[in-house]
Amino acid sequence: MYSKDGEQYFIVDGHVHIWDARASNQKNIHGKQFIDCFYDYHRNLSPEEVLWDYDTYTYYGADRFMKDVFGEGHVDHAIFQATLLREFYKTGFGQTEEAFGLTQQHPDKLTYNHAYDPRDEEAGLDQLRRDAERMNLKGVKLYTAEWHGDSRGYKLDDPWSRRYLEECLALGIRNIHVHKGPTIRPLDRDAFDVADIDKVATDYLDLNFVVEHVGLPRLEDFCWIATQESNVYGGLAVAIPFMHTRPRYFAQIIGELLYWIGEDRILFGSDYALWTPKWLVERFVDFQIPEDLPEYPAITTAQKKKILGLNAAALYDLDVPRELRLPAEAGEAGVGAR
């Protein structure tokens, strides 16, 4: 729980990782390209005082994770979002068993979302069923630009992808997180296009589609889709650190999101260890729309509480202490929620 100026915030970090990108786990040059691109994001968007050295960044492990997220990061609950990248890393990029093991040790603090690739076809469906039972999955994380043999991406509305979404429904997996944001070398930018969200959100109304990174650099496309599709949410990972380097740009991002989709469908995420949650939480609580951007109203405390944790808690049925909840009438709806 984070407290500031007499207000208390229930913090859910909706986007965290434990990864292993050390040279010993890289299959090829693409594994190095990927972590180098991650590190460039970290260096270019972080305050100097929270920068990591490169070697630590490639693998930090469970102890460092727990310290940064829960010991110092103000986070009450965090959600792992798996990233496989099997073509680039020997044991995968995200460390499935290490992360899942932590959720078993700390079920009150952690939720694990696993990943699948619909290009694995029938064998992958069988694996998803086993994973859902073993991991008690409430969500999955999809990387539509991930490479798979000769394929360099897929669409959510591809026939096999639809079969996997239907299986998610059957298994009770309701939260579908999808990376639809900035490209990461060597992945292809257009494989992260947001257009396929529109189709599957319409066809699978009982699923929640969380567009991670709010579609950047396609924010406008995302907003026009999300305002029409009530089961589409925006994850702020990657967008929120622009508070530091480009505060007016971030003000425009959050202002547009609040206008189009409303305060109930925006989720905080640090994308740890791209960035650490402590400074992001503290700066967002203090952040305000500049007065010379009059088309955007001031962000209220109630809106910040929803974005920082209450919205994700609702999606994942997390128990929020009574004193940290909001009255039902708090806040205002966005255009798409009215």
Protein backbone atom coordinates (compact mmCIF):
# COMPACT_ATOMS: atom_id res chain seq x y z
CA MET A 1 0.00 0.00 0.00
CA TYR A 2 1.24 3.47 -0.90
CA SER A 3 0.21 6.54 1.10
CA LYS A 4 0.55 10.19 0.10
CA ASP A 5 -1.09 13.35 1.46
CA GLY A 6 -3.55 11.37 3.54
CA GLU A 7 -4.64 9.13 0.64
CA GLN A 8 -4.01 5.38 0.49
CA TYR A 9 -3.58 3.47 -2.76
CA PHE A 10 -3.98 -0.26 -3.41
CA ILE A 11 -1.30 -0.99 -6.02
CA VAL A 12 -1.56 -3.79 -8.58
CA ASP A 13 1.39 -4.00 -10.95
CA GLY A 14 -0.30 -5.68 -13.88
CA HIS A 15 2.83 -6.40 -15.89
CA VAL A 16 5.98 -7.96 -14.40
CA HIS A 17 8.61 -10.49 -15.49
CA ILE A 18 11.48 -12.64 -14.38
CA TRP A 19 13.63 -13.17 -17.46
CA ASP A 20 16.96 -14.76 -18.37
CA ALA A 21 18.64 -13.06 -21.31
CA ARG A 22 22.22 -13.94 -20.37
CA ALA A 23 24.55 -14.99 -23.19
CA SER A 24 24.39 -18.56 -21.88
CA ASN A 25 20.63 -18.65 -22.62
CA GLN A 26 20.76 -16.95 -26.03
CA LYS A 27 20.19 -19.24 -29.00
CA ASN A 28 21.41 -16.75 -31.58
CA ILE A 29 22.11 -13.08 -32.31
CA HIS A 30 18.40 -12.31 -32.02
CA GLY A 31 18.44 -13.08 -28.31
CA LYS A 32 21.13 -10.44 -27.83
CA GLN A 33 19.29 -7.97 -30.07
CA PHE A 34 16.14 -8.38 -28.02
CA ILE A 35 17.67 -7.75 -24.58
CA ASP A 36 19.82 -4.92 -25.96
CA CYS A 37 16.66 -3.23 -27.21
CA PHE A 38 15.04 -3.72 -23.79
CA TYR A 39 18.08 -2.19 -22.13
CA ASP A 40 17.93 0.82 -24.46
CA TYR A 41 14.32 1.42 -23.38
CA HIS A 42 15.44 1.16 -19.75
CA ARG A 43 18.34 3.60 -20.16
CA ASN A 44 16.46 6.12 -22.27
CA LEU A 45 13.28 6.36 -20.17
CA SER A 46 14.53 5.92 -16.58
CA PRO A 47 15.78 8.51 -14.09
CA GLU A 48 19.53 8.22 -13.69
CA GLU A 49 19.31 7.18 -10.05
CA VAL A 50 17.39 3.97 -10.86
CA LEU A 51 19.51 2.75 -13.80
CA TRP A 52 20.81 -0.84 -13.67
CA ASP A 53 24.07 -2.17 -15.05
CA TYR A 54 23.73 -4.36 -18.12
CA ASP A 55 24.78 -7.67 -16.54
CA THR A 56 22.25 -7.36 -13.71
CA TYR A 57 19.60 -6.43 -16.26
CA THR A 58 20.06 -9.64 -18.25
CA TYR A 59 19.17 -11.74 -15.18
CA TYR A 60 18.22 -10.56 -11.69
CA GLY A 61 16.32 -13.49 -10.21
CA ALA A 62 13.58 -13.97 -7.64
CA ASP A 63 15.21 -12.30 -4.63
CA ARG A 64 15.85 -9.05 -6.49
CA PHE A 65 12.35 -9.22 -7.96
CA MET A 66 10.70 -9.52 -4.54
CA LYS A 67 12.76 -6.66 -3.13
CA ASP A 68 12.14 -4.26 -6.01
CA VAL A 69 8.44 -5.02 -6.46
CA PHE A 70 7.20 -5.63 -2.93
CA GLY A 71 9.97 -4.57 -0.56
CA GLU A 72 10.51 -1.14 -2.11
CA GLY A 73 8.00 -0.83 -4.96
CA HIS A 74 4.77 -0.08 -3.03
CA VAL A 75 3.07 -2.99 -4.83
CA ASP A 76 0.34 -4.99 -3.09
CA HIS A 77 -0.18 -7.54 -5.87
CA ALA A 78 1.64 -8.21 -9.16
CA ILE A 79 0.76 -10.20 -12.27
CA PHE A 80 3.40 -12.07 -14.25
CA GLN A 81 3.01 -11.75 -18.02
CA ALA A 82 4.93 -14.56 -19.70
CA THR A 83 7.04 -13.97 -22.79
CA LEU A 84 8.37 -17.14 -24.44
CA LEU A 85 10.58 -16.18 -27.43
CA ARG A 86 11.54 -19.80 -27.99
CA GLU A 87 13.29 -18.96 -31.27
CA PHE A 88 15.72 -16.65 -29.46
CA TYR A 89 16.36 -18.26 -26.05
CA LYS A 90 17.19 -21.83 -25.04
CA THR A 91 14.91 -21.96 -21.99
CA GLY A 92 12.68 -19.13 -23.16
CA PHE A 93 12.97 -15.47 -22.23
CA GLY A 94 10.49 -15.37 -19.35
CA GLN A 95 11.38 -17.96 -16.73
CA THR A 96 8.15 -19.91 -16.37
CA GLU A 97 8.98 -22.19 -13.48
CA GLU A 98 10.81 -19.57 -11.44
CA ALA A 99 7.93 -17.12 -11.79
CA PHE A 100 5.23 -19.73 -11.24
CA GLY A 101 7.11 -21.04 -8.22
CA LEU A 102 7.02 -17.58 -6.67
CA THR A 103 3.25 -17.39 -7.15
CA GLN A 104 2.91 -20.68 -5.29
CA GLN A 105 5.00 -19.31 -2.43
CA HIS A 106 3.16 -15.97 -2.37
CA PRO A 107 -0.39 -16.51 -3.69
CA ASP A 108 -1.60 -13.43 -1.83
CA LYS A 109 0.93 -11.27 -3.68
CA LEU A 110 1.35 -12.83 -7.12
CA THR A 111 -0.70 -14.09 -10.07
CA TYR A 112 0.90 -15.97 -12.95
CA ASN A 113 -0.32 -15.56 -16.54
CA HIS A 114 1.22 -18.07 -18.92
CA ALA A 115 1.57 -17.83 -22.71
CA TYR A 116 0.66 -19.89 -25.73
CA ASP A 117 1.30 -19.77 -29.48
CA PRO A 118 -1.63 -20.82 -31.70
CA ARG A 119 0.83 -21.91 -34.37
CA ASP A 120 1.50 -24.94 -32.14
CA GLU A 121 -1.96 -26.06 -33.28
CA GLU A 122 -3.42 -29.20 -31.64
CA ALA A 123 -0.38 -30.00 -29.52
CA GLY A 124 -0.44 -26.48 -28.14
CA LEU A 125 -4.11 -26.79 -27.23
CA ASP A 126 -3.33 -29.90 -25.20
CA GLN A 127 -0.51 -28.03 -23.48
CA LEU A 128 -2.80 -25.09 -22.71
CA ARG A 129 -5.25 -27.45 -21.01
CA ARG A 130 -2.48 -28.90 -18.86
CA ASP A 131 -1.09 -25.45 -18.05
CA ALA A 132 -4.51 -24.10 -17.12
CA GLU A 133 -5.07 -26.93 -14.65
CA ARG A 134 -1.58 -26.85 -13.12
CA MET A 135 -1.26 -23.07 -12.94
CA ASN A 136 -4.91 -22.19 -12.24
CA LEU A 137 -4.73 -19.65 -15.05
CA LYS A 138 -6.97 -16.58 -15.00
CA GLY A 139 -5.13 -14.91 -17.86
CA VAL A 140 -2.64 -15.38 -20.69
CA LYS A 141 -0.13 -13.12 -22.38
CA LEU A 142 0.19 -13.23 -26.18
CA TYR A 143 2.99 -11.96 -28.40
CA THR A 144 1.58 -11.77 -31.91
CA ALA A 145 4.96 -10.79 -33.39
CA GLU A 146 6.83 -13.77 -31.94
CA TRP A 147 8.72 -15.85 -34.49
CA HIS A 148 7.77 -19.49 -35.05
CA GLY A 149 9.85 -21.34 -37.61
CA ASP A 150 9.46 -19.40 -40.85
CA SER A 151 6.52 -17.40 -39.49
CA ARG A 152 7.18 -13.90 -38.13
CA GLY A 153 3.81 -13.28 -36.53
CA TYR A 154 0.12 -14.13 -36.48
CA LYS A 155 -3.24 -12.39 -36.11
CA LEU A 156 -5.66 -12.88 -33.24
CA ASP A 157 -8.43 -13.65 -35.69
CA ASP A 158 -6.51 -16.39 -37.53
CA PRO A 159 -8.44 -19.70 -37.47
CA TRP A 160 -6.08 -21.41 -35.03
CA SER A 161 -5.97 -18.35 -32.80
CA ARG A 162 -9.75 -18.41 -32.62
CA ARG A 163 -9.66 -22.03 -31.53
CA TYR A 164 -7.34 -21.08 -28.69
CA LEU A 165 -9.59 -18.20 -27.62
CA GLU A 166 -12.54 -20.58 -27.59
CA GLU A 167 -10.50 -22.96 -25.45
CA CYS A 168 -9.71 -20.11 -23.06
CA LEU A 169 -13.46 -19.58 -22.65
CA ALA A 170 -13.96 -23.28 -21.94
CA LEU A 171 -11.15 -23.27 -19.38
CA GLY A 172 -12.34 -20.14 -17.58
CA ILE A 173 -9.38 -18.02 -18.73
CA ARG A 174 -11.02 -14.63 -19.15
CA ASN A 175 -8.15 -12.10 -19.38
CA ILE A 176 -6.27 -12.05 -22.67
CA HIS A 177 -3.25 -9.72 -22.48
CA VAL A 178 -1.74 -8.91 -25.86
CA HIS A 179 1.47 -7.01 -26.62
CA LYS A 180 0.32 -4.33 -29.03
CA GLY A 181 2.95 -1.68 -28.63
CA PRO A 182 6.40 -0.59 -29.69
CA THR A 183 8.41 -3.10 -31.64
CA ILE A 184 11.44 -4.78 -30.12
CA ARG A 185 14.38 -5.72 -32.30
CA PRO A 186 14.31 -8.01 -34.28
CA LEU A 187 10.50 -8.38 -34.23
CA ASP A 188 8.42 -6.77 -36.97
CA ARG A 189 6.49 -3.62 -36.09
CA ASP A 190 3.43 -4.42 -38.19
CA ALA A 191 2.96 -7.79 -36.46
CA PHE A 192 1.93 -5.76 -33.38
CA ASP A 193 -0.83 -3.87 -35.22
CA VAL A 194 -3.99 -3.41 -33.10
CA ALA A 195 -6.58 -4.01 -35.86
CA ASP A 196 -7.17 -7.67 -35.00
CA ILE A 197 -8.24 -6.68 -31.48
CA ASP A 198 -11.36 -5.13 -32.98
CA LYS A 199 -12.46 -8.40 -34.56
CA VAL A 200 -11.94 -10.76 -31.64
CA ALA A 201 -13.29 -8.32 -29.04
CA THR A 202 -16.53 -8.20 -31.01
CA ASP A 203 -16.72 -11.98 -31.40
CA TYR A 204 -15.70 -13.00 -27.85
CA LEU A 205 -17.66 -10.75 -25.52
CA ASP A 206 -16.96 -12.94 -22.49
CA LEU A 207 -13.22 -12.36 -22.79
CA ASN A 208 -11.39 -9.25 -21.62
CA PHE A 209 -8.69 -8.07 -24.04
CA VAL A 210 -5.97 -6.07 -22.31
CA VAL A 211 -3.96 -4.21 -24.94
CA GLU A 212 -0.55 -3.87 -23.37
CA HIS A 213 1.30 -0.64 -24.09
CA VAL A 214 -2.02 0.87 -25.27
CA GLY A 215 -1.11 0.18 -28.87
CA LEU A 216 1.77 2.67 -29.05
CA PRO A 217 2.62 4.10 -31.52
CA ARG A 218 -0.97 3.46 -32.67
CA LEU A 219 -2.70 5.14 -29.74
CA GLU A 220 -5.39 6.73 -31.90
CA ASP A 221 -6.26 3.42 -33.57
CA PHE A 222 -6.44 1.75 -30.17
CA CYS A 223 -8.70 4.44 -28.71
CA TRP A 224 -11.15 4.26 -31.61
CA ILE A 225 -11.37 0.49 -31.18
CA ALA A 226 -11.55 0.47 -27.38
CA THR A 227 -14.26 3.11 -27.16
CA GLN A 228 -16.54 0.81 -29.20
CA GLU A 229 -15.57 -2.46 -27.54
CA SER A 230 -16.45 -2.51 -23.84
CA ASN A 231 -14.28 -5.58 -23.19
CA VAL A 232 -11.04 -3.88 -24.31
CA TYR A 233 -8.65 -2.46 -21.71
CA GLY A 234 -5.42 -0.47 -21.94
CA GLY A 235 -2.24 -1.46 -20.11
CA LEU A 236 0.10 1.47 -19.36
CA ALA A 237 3.37 -0.50 -19.41
CA VAL A 238 5.93 1.34 -21.60
CA ALA A 239 3.64 4.39 -21.80
CA ILE A 240 3.92 5.42 -18.15
CA PRO A 241 7.71 5.99 -17.93
CA PHE A 242 7.33 8.83 -20.41
CA MET A 243 6.31 10.82 -17.32
CA HIS A 244 10.06 11.25 -16.83
CA THR A 245 11.41 12.02 -20.30
CA ARG A 246 8.32 13.36 -22.11
CA PRO A 247 5.75 14.48 -19.50
CA ARG A 248 3.61 16.39 -22.02
CA TYR A 249 3.53 13.34 -24.27
CA PHE A 250 2.41 11.19 -21.35
CA ALA A 251 -0.20 13.80 -20.45
CA GLN A 252 -1.60 13.46 -23.97
CA ILE A 253 -1.59 9.66 -23.73
CA ILE A 254 -3.42 9.50 -20.40
CA GLY A 255 -5.70 12.37 -21.39
CA GLU A 256 -6.78 10.60 -24.57
CA LEU A 257 -7.30 7.31 -22.74
CA LEU A 258 -9.46 8.92 -20.08
CA TYR A 259 -11.50 10.73 -22.74
CA TRP A 260 -12.08 7.73 -24.99
CA ILE A 261 -12.24 4.63 -22.79
CA GLY A 262 -12.65 6.04 -19.29
CA GLU A 263 -10.99 5.50 -15.94
CA ASP A 264 -12.34 1.95 -15.40
CA ARG A 265 -10.39 0.30 -18.22
CA ILE A 266 -6.84 1.60 -17.74
CA LEU A 267 -4.31 -0.59 -15.89
CA PHE A 268 -0.97 0.27 -14.31
CA GLY A 269 2.06 -1.85 -15.22
CA SER A 270 5.76 -1.28 -14.65
CA ASP A 271 6.92 -3.95 -17.12
CA TYR A 272 9.50 -4.86 -14.47
CA ALA A 273 12.43 -5.10 -14.93
CA LEU A 274 12.24 -2.72 -17.87
CA TRP A 275 11.41 -0.25 -15.09
CA THR A 276 10.96 -0.53 -11.33
CA PRO A 277 7.52 0.25 -9.89
CA LYS A 278 8.63 2.50 -7.00
CA TRP A 279 9.37 5.63 -9.01
CA LEU A 280 6.49 5.03 -11.42
CA VAL A 281 3.92 4.79 -8.62
CA GLU A 282 5.30 7.83 -6.81
CA ARG A 283 5.43 9.98 -9.92
CA PHE A 284 1.99 8.95 -11.16
CA VAL A 285 0.40 9.85 -7.82
CA ASP A 286 2.05 13.28 -8.14
CA PHE A 287 1.42 13.65 -11.88
CA GLN A 288 -1.02 16.20 -13.20
CA ILE A 289 -2.08 17.37 -16.66
CA PRO A 290 -0.30 20.65 -17.50
CA GLU A 291 -2.56 23.70 -17.44
CA ASP A 292 -1.62 24.57 -21.02
CA LEU A 293 -3.33 21.38 -22.24
CA PRO A 294 -6.87 22.60 -21.46
CA GLU A 295 -8.62 19.95 -23.56
CA TYR A 296 -7.78 17.42 -20.84
CA PRO A 297 -9.32 17.82 -17.36
CA ALA A 298 -7.25 17.28 -14.23
CA ILE A 299 -6.76 13.66 -13.17
CA THR A 300 -8.60 13.03 -9.91
CA THR A 301 -7.33 11.01 -6.96
CA ALA A 302 -10.16 8.52 -7.48
CA GLN A 303 -9.06 8.02 -11.10
CA LYS A 304 -5.47 7.43 -10.01
CA LYS A 305 -6.60 4.85 -7.45
CA LYS A 306 -8.54 2.96 -10.11
CA ILE A 307 -5.67 3.00 -12.60
CA LEU A 308 -3.00 2.06 -10.04
CA GLY A 309 -4.78 -1.00 -8.77
CA LEU A 310 -8.53 -1.14 -8.36
CA ASN A 311 -9.26 -1.83 -12.03
CA ALA A 312 -6.88 -4.80 -12.19
CA ALA A 313 -8.17 -6.05 -8.83
CA ALA A 314 -11.66 -6.16 -10.32
CA LEU A 315 -10.48 -8.12 -13.39
CA TYR A 316 -8.67 -10.69 -11.25
CA ASP A 317 -11.10 -10.84 -8.29
CA LEU A 318 -8.45 -9.67 -5.86
CA ASP A 319 -9.50 -8.90 -2.30
CA VAL A 320 -9.08 -5.17 -1.70
CA PRO A 321 -9.17 -4.08 1.96
CA ARG A 322 -12.37 -2.18 2.66
CA GLU A 323 -10.53 1.00 3.62
CA LEU A 324 -8.82 1.08 0.21
CA ARG A 325 -11.97 0.74 -1.88
CA LEU A 326 -13.81 3.61 -3.52
CA PRO A 327 -17.46 4.53 -3.13
CA ALA A 328 -19.44 3.28 -6.12
CA GLU A 329 -20.16 6.81 -7.24
CA ALA A 330 -16.50 7.94 -7.30
CA GLY A 331 -15.12 9.22 -10.63
CA GLU A 332 -16.60 9.80 -14.06
CA ALA A 333 -16.95 7.55 -17.08
CA GLY A 334 -15.17 8.13 -20.38
CA VAL A 335 -16.82 8.57 -23.76
CA GLY A 336 -16.84 4.84 -24.48
CA ALA A 337 -18.29 3.96 -21.06
CA ARG A 338 -21.28 6.31 -21.14
